[in-house]
Protein backbone atom coordinates (compact mmCIF):
# COMPACT_ATOMS: atom_id res chain seq x y z
CA MET A 1 -0.03 -0.08 0.23
CA ASN A 2 2.77 2.54 0.94
CA VAL A 3 4.85 1.40 -2.04
CA ALA A 4 1.58 2.02 -4.38
CA LEU A 5 1.13 5.58 -2.58
CA VAL A 6 4.79 6.67 -3.41
CA PHE A 7 4.44 5.79 -7.09
CA ILE A 8 1.10 7.52 -7.42
CA LEU A 9 2.63 10.86 -5.82
CA TRP A 10 5.59 10.69 -7.52
CA LEU A 11 4.20 9.79 -11.20
CA THR A 12 1.35 12.26 -10.62
CA ALA A 13 3.85 14.99 -9.31
CA HIS A 14 6.52 14.61 -12.09
CA SER A 15 4.19 14.12 -14.91
CA TRP A 16 2.63 17.53 -14.28
CA ILE A 17 6.19 19.03 -14.17
CA VAL A 18 7.18 17.11 -17.58
CA ARG A 19 4.07 18.33 -19.37
CA THR A 20 4.03 22.02 -18.10
CA THR A 21 7.85 22.91 -17.60
CA GLN A 22 9.04 25.40 -20.57
CA GLY A 23 12.66 24.79 -19.75
CA THR A 24 15.80 26.60 -19.21
CA TYR A 25 18.32 28.91 -21.28
CA GLU A 26 20.64 25.60 -20.82
CA ASP A 27 17.99 23.30 -22.60
CA ALA A 28 17.99 25.63 -25.66
CA ILE A 29 21.76 25.65 -25.88
CA HIS A 30 21.93 21.73 -25.44
CA ALA A 31 19.00 21.36 -27.66
CA GLN A 32 20.90 23.52 -30.54
CA ASN A 33 24.21 21.87 -29.98
CA LEU A 34 22.67 18.14 -30.26
CA SER A 35 19.97 18.62 -33.23
CA GLY A 36 22.30 18.33 -35.96
CA PRO A 37 21.92 14.97 -38.30
CA VAL A 38 25.59 13.59 -37.28
CA ALA A 39 25.32 11.46 -34.00
CA PRO A 40 27.72 12.59 -31.26
CA SER A 41 30.46 9.76 -30.62
CA LEU A 42 29.93 7.98 -27.32
CA MET A 43 33.69 8.15 -26.85
CA THR A 44 33.42 12.30 -26.14
CA ARG A 45 32.80 13.48 -22.72
CA ARG A 46 29.16 12.64 -21.62
CA GLY A 47 28.78 10.85 -24.65
CA LEU A 48 26.12 8.70 -23.59
CA THR A 49 23.76 11.64 -22.55
CA ASN A 50 24.67 13.70 -25.63
CA TRP A 51 23.96 10.33 -28.12
CA SER A 52 20.63 10.13 -25.83
CA VAL A 53 19.29 13.46 -26.70
CA TRP A 54 20.39 13.21 -30.04
CA ALA A 55 18.75 9.84 -30.99
CA GLN A 56 15.43 11.29 -29.20
CA PHE A 57 15.61 14.61 -30.99
CA GLN A 58 15.59 12.39 -34.42
CA ILE A 59 12.49 10.74 -33.05
CA GLY A 60 10.50 14.03 -32.20
CA PRO A 61 12.06 17.71 -30.83
CA GLU A 62 9.45 18.27 -28.06
CA PRO A 63 10.94 19.20 -24.71
CA TRP A 64 8.56 16.96 -23.13
CA ARG A 65 9.46 14.16 -24.41
CA MET A 66 13.02 14.48 -23.36
CA ARG A 67 11.59 14.91 -20.03
CA GLU A 68 9.66 12.14 -20.05
CA VAL A 69 12.81 9.95 -20.38
CA ASN A 70 14.53 11.72 -17.56
CA LEU A 71 11.27 10.76 -15.58
CA ILE A 72 11.64 7.01 -16.19
CA LEU A 73 15.38 7.30 -15.69
CA SER A 74 14.29 8.94 -11.93
CA GLY A 75 12.19 6.36 -11.24
CA ILE A 76 15.01 3.57 -11.89
CA VAL A 77 17.22 5.60 -9.71
CA GLY A 78 14.59 5.58 -6.96
CA VAL A 79 14.23 1.70 -7.20
CA LEU A 80 17.99 1.19 -7.09
CA VAL A 81 18.50 3.70 -4.24
CA GLY A 82 15.70 1.69 -2.36
CA LEU A 83 17.49 -1.43 -2.86
CA LEU A 84 20.72 0.09 -1.78
CA ALA A 85 19.39 1.47 1.42
CA MET A 86 17.95 -2.10 2.39
CA GLN A 87 21.07 -3.90 1.66
CA LEU A 88 22.47 -1.50 4.12
CA GLY A 89 20.05 -2.12 6.71
CA GLY A 90 17.94 0.96 6.15
CA SER A 91 14.12 1.58 5.03
CA GLY A 92 14.05 0.99 1.34
CA LEU A 93 10.83 2.78 1.27
CA MET A 94 12.04 5.89 2.66
CA ALA A 95 15.17 5.94 0.77
CA SER A 96 12.80 5.67 -2.48
CA GLY A 97 10.66 8.07 -1.24
CA VAL A 98 13.34 10.76 -0.84
CA MET A 99 14.63 10.08 -4.32
CA LEU A 100 11.15 10.03 -6.16
CA LEU A 101 9.31 13.15 -3.93
CA HIS A 102 12.05 15.22 -2.74
CA PRO A 103 11.62 18.86 -4.21
CA LEU A 104 15.35 18.66 -5.00
CA THR A 105 14.69 15.89 -7.67
CA VAL A 106 12.64 18.18 -9.63
CA GLU A 107 15.54 20.00 -11.76
CA PRO A 108 17.26 17.07 -13.07
CA ILE A 109 13.71 15.64 -14.55
CA ALA A 110 12.57 19.20 -15.77
CA MET A 111 16.12 20.35 -17.62
CA ILE A 112 17.17 18.28 -20.48
CA SER A 113 20.70 18.47 -19.60
CA GLY A 114 19.78 17.08 -16.19
CA ARG A 115 19.98 13.53 -17.74
CA ALA A 116 23.56 13.37 -17.09
CA GLU A 117 23.18 13.70 -13.30
CA LEU A 118 20.59 10.46 -13.63
CA PHE A 119 22.99 8.47 -15.36
CA ALA A 120 25.60 9.17 -12.72
CA ALA A 121 23.47 8.47 -10.48
CA ILE A 122 22.52 5.06 -12.11
CA GLY A 123 26.13 4.10 -12.37
CA VAL A 124 27.05 4.99 -9.04
CA VAL A 125 24.27 3.08 -7.40
CA GLY A 126 24.27 0.13 -9.46
CA ALA A 127 28.36 -0.13 -8.93
CA CYS A 128 27.62 -0.27 -5.16
CA LEU A 129 24.86 -2.62 -5.31
CA ALA A 130 26.90 -4.95 -7.43
CA LEU A 131 29.84 -5.04 -4.74
CA LEU A 132 27.22 -5.75 -2.01
CA ARG A 133 24.93 -8.16 -3.59
CA LEU A 134 26.69 -10.06 -6.29
CA PRO A 135 29.53 -12.96 -5.83
CA ARG A 136 33.10 -11.57 -5.86
CA ALA A 137 33.92 -11.76 -9.35
CA ILE A 138 30.57 -10.87 -11.06
CA GLY A 139 30.44 -8.33 -8.72
CA LEU A 140 33.27 -6.89 -9.65
CA LEU A 141 32.80 -6.93 -13.16
CA THR A 142 29.43 -5.26 -13.10
CA ALA A 143 30.57 -2.68 -10.86
CA LEU A 144 33.07 -1.89 -13.53
CA GLY A 145 30.52 -1.96 -16.04
CA CYS A 146 28.10 0.39 -14.29
CA LEU A 147 30.94 2.72 -13.41
CA ALA A 148 31.74 2.97 -17.05
CA PHE A 149 27.91 3.47 -18.13
CA GLY A 150 28.11 6.26 -15.10
CA ILE A 151 30.98 8.28 -16.70
CA GLN A 152 29.49 7.69 -19.87
CA GLY A 153 26.79 9.97 -18.62
CA LYS A 154 28.68 12.75 -16.25
CA GLU A 155 32.12 12.43 -15.34
CA SER A 156 30.87 12.80 -11.97
CA ALA A 157 30.14 9.09 -11.55
CA ALA A 158 33.77 8.31 -11.34
CA LEU A 159 33.37 8.72 -7.34
CA ALA A 160 31.83 5.23 -7.33
CA ILE A 161 35.68 4.47 -7.01
CA VAL A 162 35.39 5.86 -3.53
CA LEU A 163 31.79 5.11 -2.74
CA ALA A 164 31.43 1.60 -3.62
CA PRO A 165 34.22 0.41 -1.39
CA LEU A 166 33.06 2.62 1.26
CA CYS A 167 29.61 1.00 1.14
CA LEU A 168 31.70 -2.37 1.71
CA LEU A 169 33.67 -0.89 4.35
CA ALA A 170 30.65 0.43 6.14
CA PHE A 171 28.81 -3.45 5.81
CA PRO A 172 31.16 -5.92 5.08
CA ARG A 173 30.74 -9.16 2.98
CA ALA A 174 32.61 -12.14 3.87
CA VAL A 175 33.90 -12.54 0.21
CA TRP A 176 35.59 -9.52 0.71
CA PRO A 177 38.60 -9.37 3.07
CA ILE A 178 38.57 -6.10 4.99
CA ARG A 179 42.04 -4.89 4.06
CA TRP A 180 41.17 -5.24 0.18
CA VAL A 181 38.28 -3.02 1.30
CA ARG A 182 40.47 -0.57 3.05
CA PHE A 183 42.93 -0.76 0.33
CA ALA A 184 40.34 0.07 -2.34
CA VAL A 185 38.93 3.04 -0.49
CA ALA A 186 42.51 4.50 0.22
CA LEU A 187 43.31 3.81 -3.31
CA GLY A 188 39.80 5.60 -4.44
CA VAL A 189 40.29 8.60 -2.64
CA CYS A 190 43.67 9.01 -4.23
CA VAL A 191 42.75 8.38 -7.81
CA ALA A 192 39.77 10.73 -7.13
CA ALA A 193 41.91 13.65 -5.77
CA VAL A 194 44.26 13.32 -8.87
CA MET A 195 41.46 13.28 -11.41
CA ALA A 196 39.99 16.42 -9.81
CA TRP A 197 43.39 18.13 -9.67
CA ARG A 198 43.95 17.55 -12.95
CA ILE A 199 40.68 18.72 -14.13
CA ARG A 200 41.19 21.90 -12.29
CA GLY A 201 44.23 22.19 -14.19
CA GLU A 202 42.78 21.73 -17.62
CA LEU A 203 39.41 24.04 -16.57
CA ASP A 204 41.81 26.81 -14.77
CA GLN A 205 42.36 29.84 -17.17
CA PRO A 206 44.54 33.00 -16.58
CA GLU A 207 41.69 35.21 -17.00
CA MET A 208 39.72 33.55 -14.29
CA LEU A 209 38.34 36.06 -12.11
CA ILE A 210 38.24 34.20 -8.95
CA THR A 211 40.92 32.78 -6.82
CA ALA A 212 40.95 28.98 -5.41
CA GLY A 213 40.41 30.08 -2.03
CA SER A 214 37.40 32.16 -2.85
CA TRP A 215 36.04 29.31 -5.23
CA ALA A 216 36.13 26.94 -2.13
CA LEU A 217 34.38 29.17 -0.16
CA HIS A 218 31.68 29.79 -2.32
CA GLN A 219 31.20 26.26 -3.32
CA VAL A 220 31.25 25.38 0.44
CA THR A 221 28.51 27.60 0.80
CA ALA A 222 26.67 26.09 -2.16
CA THR A 223 27.06 22.79 -0.55
CA PHE A 224 25.91 23.72 2.98
CA ARG A 225 22.84 25.67 1.76
CA LEU A 226 21.87 22.46 -0.31
CA ILE A 227 22.23 20.32 2.77
CA THR A 228 20.21 22.70 4.58
CA LEU A 229 17.46 22.43 1.74
CA ALA A 230 17.72 18.75 1.41
CA ALA A 231 16.44 18.81 5.37
CA ILE A 232 14.19 21.83 5.17
CA PRO A 233 13.28 22.28 1.10
CA LEU A 234 12.19 25.89 1.47
CA GLY A 235 13.85 28.68 -0.66
CA GLN A 236 14.62 26.84 -3.67
CA THR A 237 15.69 28.74 -6.89
CA ILE A 238 17.29 27.68 -10.10
CA ASP A 239 20.22 30.27 -10.02
CA TYR A 240 21.13 31.50 -6.14
CA ASP A 241 23.41 34.26 -6.25
CA TYR A 242 26.46 33.08 -4.43
CA ASP A 243 28.37 35.84 -5.27
CA HIS A 244 26.54 38.14 -3.02
CA ALA A 245 26.27 35.75 0.01
CA SER A 246 27.47 37.41 3.06
CA ARG A 247 30.55 36.52 4.87
CA LEU A 248 28.49 35.11 8.06
CA MET A 249 26.80 32.80 5.65
CA GLN A 250 30.14 31.80 4.25
CA ILE A 251 31.61 31.45 7.63
CA ALA A 252 28.63 29.53 8.84
CA SER A 253 28.54 27.54 5.78
CA VAL A 254 32.12 26.42 6.54
CA GLY A 255 31.49 25.74 10.28
CA GLY A 256 28.62 23.41 8.88
CA VAL A 257 30.27 21.18 6.67
CA VAL A 258 33.08 20.60 9.17
CA SER A 259 30.93 19.65 11.64
CA LEU A 260 29.19 17.07 9.37
CA ALA A 261 32.57 15.82 8.67
CA VAL A 262 33.76 15.22 11.95
CA LEU A 263 30.36 13.56 12.65
CA VAL A 264 31.39 10.86 10.53
CA PRO A 265 33.83 9.19 12.60
CA LEU A 266 31.82 9.77 15.31
CA LEU A 267 29.00 7.95 14.50
CA TRP A 268 31.17 5.33 12.51
CA GLN A 269 30.73 2.59 15.18
CA ARG A 270 27.04 3.10 16.65
CA TRP A 271 25.35 4.26 13.64
CA ARG A 272 27.17 3.41 10.38
CA LEU A 273 24.58 3.76 8.00
CA GLU A 274 24.05 7.73 8.91
CA ALA A 275 27.69 8.14 8.80
CA LEU A 276 27.67 6.83 5.53
CA GLY A 277 25.04 9.04 4.29
CA ILE A 278 26.97 11.92 5.54
CA ALA A 279 30.00 10.86 4.18
CA TRP A 280 28.65 10.26 0.88
CA VAL A 281 27.34 13.56 0.63
CA LEU A 282 30.79 15.38 1.38
CA ILE A 283 32.59 13.14 -0.88
CA VAL A 284 30.24 13.65 -3.70
CA CYS A 285 30.45 17.80 -3.27
CA ALA A 286 34.18 17.62 -2.13
CA PRO A 287 35.33 17.86 -5.78
CA ARG A 288 33.20 20.89 -6.70
CA TRP A 289 35.67 22.78 -3.97
CA ILE A 290 38.62 22.12 -5.98
CA VAL A 291 37.75 22.22 -9.83
CA ARG A 292 36.96 25.82 -10.71
CA SER A 293 34.84 25.70 -13.71
CA PRO A 294 33.70 29.15 -15.03
CA ARG A 295 31.41 30.44 -12.57
CA ASN A 296 29.39 27.02 -12.23
CA TYR A 297 28.51 27.07 -8.52
CA LEU A 298 27.11 23.67 -7.31
CA ASN A 299 23.27 23.99 -8.03
CA GLU A 300 20.29 22.14 -7.38
CA HIS A 301 20.46 19.39 -10.28
CA GLY A 302 24.27 19.22 -9.63
CA PHE A 303 23.32 17.96 -5.96
CA TYR A 304 21.33 15.12 -7.48
CA LEU A 305 24.02 12.36 -6.37
CA ALA A 306 24.77 14.05 -3.12
CA LEU A 307 21.05 13.76 -2.26
CA VAL A 308 21.60 9.89 -2.21
CA GLY A 309 23.42 10.21 0.74
CA VAL A 310 20.76 12.04 2.21
CA ALA A 311 18.49 9.23 1.33
CA LEU A 312 20.55 6.97 3.03
CA THR A 313 20.74 8.96 5.96
CA ILE A 314 16.89 9.25 6.31
CA ALA A 315 16.31 5.57 5.75
CA ALA A 316 18.84 4.52 8.55
CA VAL A 317 16.87 7.05 10.97
CA ALA A 318 13.37 5.86 9.73
CA GLN A 319 14.44 2.15 10.02
CA ARG A 320 15.98 2.55 13.62
CA GLN A 321 12.62 4.38 14.80
CA LEU A 322 10.48 1.77 13.32
CA ALA A 323 12.59 -1.02 15.18
CA HIS A 324 12.16 1.11 18.20
CA ASP A 325 8.26 1.61 17.82
CA VAL A 326 8.14 -2.23 17.39
CA SER A 327 10.30 -3.20 20.47
């Protein structure tokens, strides 16, 4: 009954968004770049996202058709996150509900370019599930396939090299020796840091009007604001002006993010799934503090993969409360 209610609410709310949303300037640019007669190569950056949008343009260029596919992909993400939460001991229904019904999920569906976020989330969550549920060799091969799929959607899916082993570290399986898992987490963090630093070097330009320190401060402010919106979804806007955020807000944001980071080791032994969820959010957002893309602050659709961590945390709290009520 509860599952059916969540499904009906998701389909009703987002179907209205699919049919009525006018789109953004990013959609217009995306459509113009990908409406030509030649298919984009799958070997290019975000090749799967670009190819899927191009293929749909050949069938029918109406924007609502693009958003219908995004809606289906969001449903797949919701199911996968629910399965992941159950595998980790949380409430699958609550995790799926967050990913299907939270207001922060509107932009990835309503924006054509939001498809990249959906593909990335499918790849990352799929990789985590593969390592947790499947036998060692099959699970590793499946996880690598999910990783490749996600990266073809958006490069942020590469964070699966940290997040998937971290899930194993939080809830180890007998088939994976714990020393291997610890090594995989450490290696994943190092590889992700090198990748972020290399991308930063490629995107940095002499004419950038913002220093690395100021960029990190603005991005941390954006991160904490979105975490706050995940908890209390009031005051959403498609283009928040972080350049005019007050110094007090920036300092409070840094303090908030640092406090969350400190919570992870404090919660790890007793409330591991909550700690994993918080760590997930910070790991997904951390590369944005380093990589200075041209004035592209972390926005609501860019927070979609991080929202999975929020869903896991809420799922853990809900499952713990349910167990307490039953007892």
